[in-house]
Amino acid sequence: MENGSPRWGFRGNDELNMASEITIRGMLNLLMRNLNEADHRTTIPLGHGDPSVFPCFRTTSVAEDAIADALRSGKFNGYSSTVGILPAR
């Protein structure tokens, strides 16, 4: 180097570089390319992001009620402790 200090010997990690090239979109495209074209069943788009448009993925009313009760209670209007809250353990 210019000032006489030793040169850093950092190099890229090929395994990490290859892993970073794998994306969710790439995996979805790979899956879609490998579907059997003779199979005419409806395919659920995994990359849709919002399952609520599919009636078979509805949230149970028990979960909805639990969320509403938690909001109404006023006990959960801030950050929980770092170890979480006891009912969630």
C-alpha atoms as a PDB file:
ATOM      1  CA  MET A   1       0.000   0.000   0.000  1.00  0.00           C
ATOM      2  CA  GLU A   2       1.021   3.602  -0.330  1.00  0.00           C
ATOM      3  CA  ASN A   3       1.911   4.201   3.310  1.00  0.00           C
ATOM      4  CA  GLY A   4       3.830   0.935   3.755  1.00  0.00           C
ATOM      5  CA  SER A   5       1.142  -0.857   5.791  1.00  0.00           C
ATOM      6  CA  PRO A   6       0.308  -4.429   4.791  1.00  0.00           C
ATOM      7  CA  ARG A   7      -2.398  -4.967   2.207  1.00  0.00           C
ATOM      8  CA  TRP A   8      -5.689  -6.408   3.409  1.00  0.00           C
ATOM      9  CA  GLY A   9      -6.314  -9.856   1.978  1.00  0.00           C
ATOM     10  CA  PHE A  10     -10.114  -9.841   1.815  1.00  0.00           C
ATOM     11  CA  ARG A  11     -11.654 -11.894  -0.949  1.00  0.00           C
ATOM     12  CA  GLY A  12     -15.226 -12.671  -1.822  1.00  0.00           C
ATOM     13  CA  ASN A  13     -16.785 -15.867  -0.525  1.00  0.00           C
ATOM     14  CA  ASP A  14     -18.106 -17.784  -3.540  1.00  0.00           C
ATOM     15  CA  GLU A  15     -20.614 -19.750  -1.454  1.00  0.00           C
ATOM     16  CA  LEU A  16     -22.094 -16.570  -0.005  1.00  0.00           C
ATOM     17  CA  ASN A  17     -22.168 -14.901  -3.397  1.00  0.00           C
ATOM     18  CA  MET A  18     -24.060 -17.854  -4.861  1.00  0.00           C
ATOM     19  CA  ALA A  19     -26.471 -17.936  -1.907  1.00  0.00           C
ATOM     20  CA  SER A  20     -27.237 -14.239  -2.291  1.00  0.00           C
ATOM     21  CA  GLU A  21     -28.295 -14.854  -5.893  1.00  0.00           C
ATOM     22  CA  ILE A  22     -31.134 -17.121  -4.725  1.00  0.00           C
ATOM     23  CA  THR A  23     -34.299 -15.061  -4.373  1.00  0.00           C
ATOM     24  CA  ILE A  24     -37.881 -15.871  -3.503  1.00  0.00           C
ATOM     25  CA  ARG A  25     -38.984 -14.634  -6.918  1.00  0.00           C
ATOM     26  CA  GLY A  26     -36.383 -16.883  -8.555  1.00  0.00           C
ATOM     27  CA  MET A  27     -37.650 -19.902  -6.620  1.00  0.00           C
ATOM     28  CA  LEU A  28     -41.254 -19.119  -7.538  1.00  0.00           C
ATOM     29  CA  ASN A  29     -40.299 -18.799 -11.190  1.00  0.00           C
ATOM     30  CA  LEU A  30     -38.473 -22.134 -11.002  1.00  0.00           C
ATOM     31  CA  LEU A  31     -41.553 -23.783  -9.494  1.00  0.00           C
ATOM     32  CA  MET A  32     -43.856 -22.289 -12.114  1.00  0.00           C
ATOM     33  CA  ARG A  33     -41.589 -23.455 -14.947  1.00  0.00           C
ATOM     34  CA  ASN A  34     -41.707 -26.995 -13.582  1.00  0.00           C
ATOM     35  CA  LEU A  35     -45.482 -27.338 -13.323  1.00  0.00           C
ATOM     36  CA  ASN A  36     -47.063 -30.159 -15.286  1.00  0.00           C
ATOM     37  CA  GLU A  37     -48.898 -28.441 -18.144  1.00  0.00           C
ATOM     38  CA  ALA A  38     -51.217 -31.441 -18.501  1.00  0.00           C
ATOM     39  CA  ASP A  39     -52.468 -30.901 -14.934  1.00  0.00           C
ATOM     40  CA  HIS A  40     -55.283 -28.348 -15.149  1.00  0.00           C
ATOM     41  CA  ARG A  41     -55.877 -27.905 -11.430  1.00  0.00           C
ATOM     42  CA  THR A  42     -55.824 -24.322 -10.175  1.00  0.00           C
ATOM     43  CA  THR A  43     -52.466 -23.230  -8.827  1.00  0.00           C
ATOM     44  CA  ILE A  44     -52.379 -20.980  -5.779  1.00  0.00           C
ATOM     45  CA  PRO A  45     -49.881 -18.184  -6.478  1.00  0.00           C
ATOM     46  CA  LEU A  46     -47.429 -18.486  -3.591  1.00  0.00           C
ATOM     47  CA  GLY A  47     -45.962 -15.061  -4.290  1.00  0.00           C
ATOM     48  CA  HIS A  48     -49.318 -13.319  -3.993  1.00  0.00           C
ATOM     49  CA  GLY A  49     -48.543 -12.070  -0.497  1.00  0.00           C
ATOM     50  CA  ASP A  50     -52.138 -11.699   0.683  1.00  0.00           C
ATOM     51  CA  PRO A  51     -53.896 -15.017   1.282  1.00  0.00           C
ATOM     52  CA  SER A  52     -57.170 -13.313   2.253  1.00  0.00           C
ATOM     53  CA  VAL A  53     -58.420 -13.407  -1.347  1.00  0.00           C
ATOM     54  CA  PHE A  54     -58.573 -17.193  -1.093  1.00  0.00           C
ATOM     55  CA  PRO A  55     -61.580 -18.339   0.960  1.00  0.00           C
ATOM     56  CA  CYS A  56     -59.783 -21.494   2.089  1.00  0.00           C
ATOM     57  CA  PHE A  57     -57.244 -19.344   3.978  1.00  0.00           C
ATOM     58  CA  ARG A  58     -59.679 -17.476   6.201  1.00  0.00           C
ATOM     59  CA  THR A  59     -58.602 -16.647   9.738  1.00  0.00           C
ATOM     60  CA  THR A  60     -60.524 -18.443  12.438  1.00  0.00           C
ATOM     61  CA  SER A  61     -62.914 -16.299  14.466  1.00  0.00           C
ATOM     62  CA  VAL A  62     -61.082 -17.402  17.630  1.00  0.00           C
ATOM     63  CA  ALA A  63     -57.929 -15.631  16.410  1.00  0.00           C
ATOM     64  CA  GLU A  64     -59.895 -12.541  15.374  1.00  0.00           C
ATOM     65  CA  ASP A  65     -61.588 -12.375  18.783  1.00  0.00           C
ATOM     66  CA  ALA A  66     -58.258 -12.790  20.595  1.00  0.00           C
ATOM     67  CA  ILE A  67     -56.763  -9.880  18.659  1.00  0.00           C
ATOM     68  CA  ALA A  68     -59.814  -7.688  19.282  1.00  0.00           C
ATOM     69  CA  ASP A  69     -59.803  -8.553  23.005  1.00  0.00           C
ATOM     70  CA  ALA A  70     -56.093  -7.728  23.275  1.00  0.00           C
ATOM     71  CA  LEU A  71     -56.636  -4.359  21.596  1.00  0.00           C
ATOM     72  CA  ARG A  72     -59.639  -3.490  23.743  1.00  0.00           C
ATOM     73  CA  SER A  73     -57.882  -4.456  26.985  1.00  0.00           C
ATOM     74  CA  GLY A  74     -55.325  -1.665  26.678  1.00  0.00           C
ATOM     75  CA  LYS A  75     -52.662  -3.984  28.104  1.00  0.00           C
ATOM     76  CA  PHE A  76     -50.750  -4.346  24.866  1.00  0.00           C
ATOM     77  CA  ASN A  77     -50.343  -0.770  23.645  1.00  0.00           C
ATOM     78  CA  GLY A  78     -46.564  -0.692  23.920  1.00  0.00           C
ATOM     79  CA  TYR A  79     -43.480  -2.797  23.545  1.00  0.00           C
ATOM     80  CA  SER A  80     -43.359  -6.062  25.426  1.00  0.00           C
ATOM     81  CA  SER A  81     -40.434  -6.895  27.660  1.00  0.00           C
ATOM     82  CA  THR A  82     -37.402  -8.372  25.946  1.00  0.00           C
ATOM     83  CA  VAL A  83     -38.350 -11.858  27.142  1.00  0.00           C
ATOM     84  CA  GLY A  84     -41.890 -11.554  25.791  1.00  0.00           C
ATOM     85  CA  ILE A  85     -45.187 -11.649  27.605  1.00  0.00           C
ATOM     86  CA  LEU A  86     -46.179 -14.544  29.830  1.00  0.00           C
ATOM     87  CA  PRO A  87     -49.376 -15.541  27.934  1.00  0.00           C
ATOM     88  CA  ALA A  88     -47.360 -15.916  24.740  1.00  0.00           C
ATOM     89  CA  ARG A  89     -44.843 -18.327  26.246  1.00  0.00           C
END
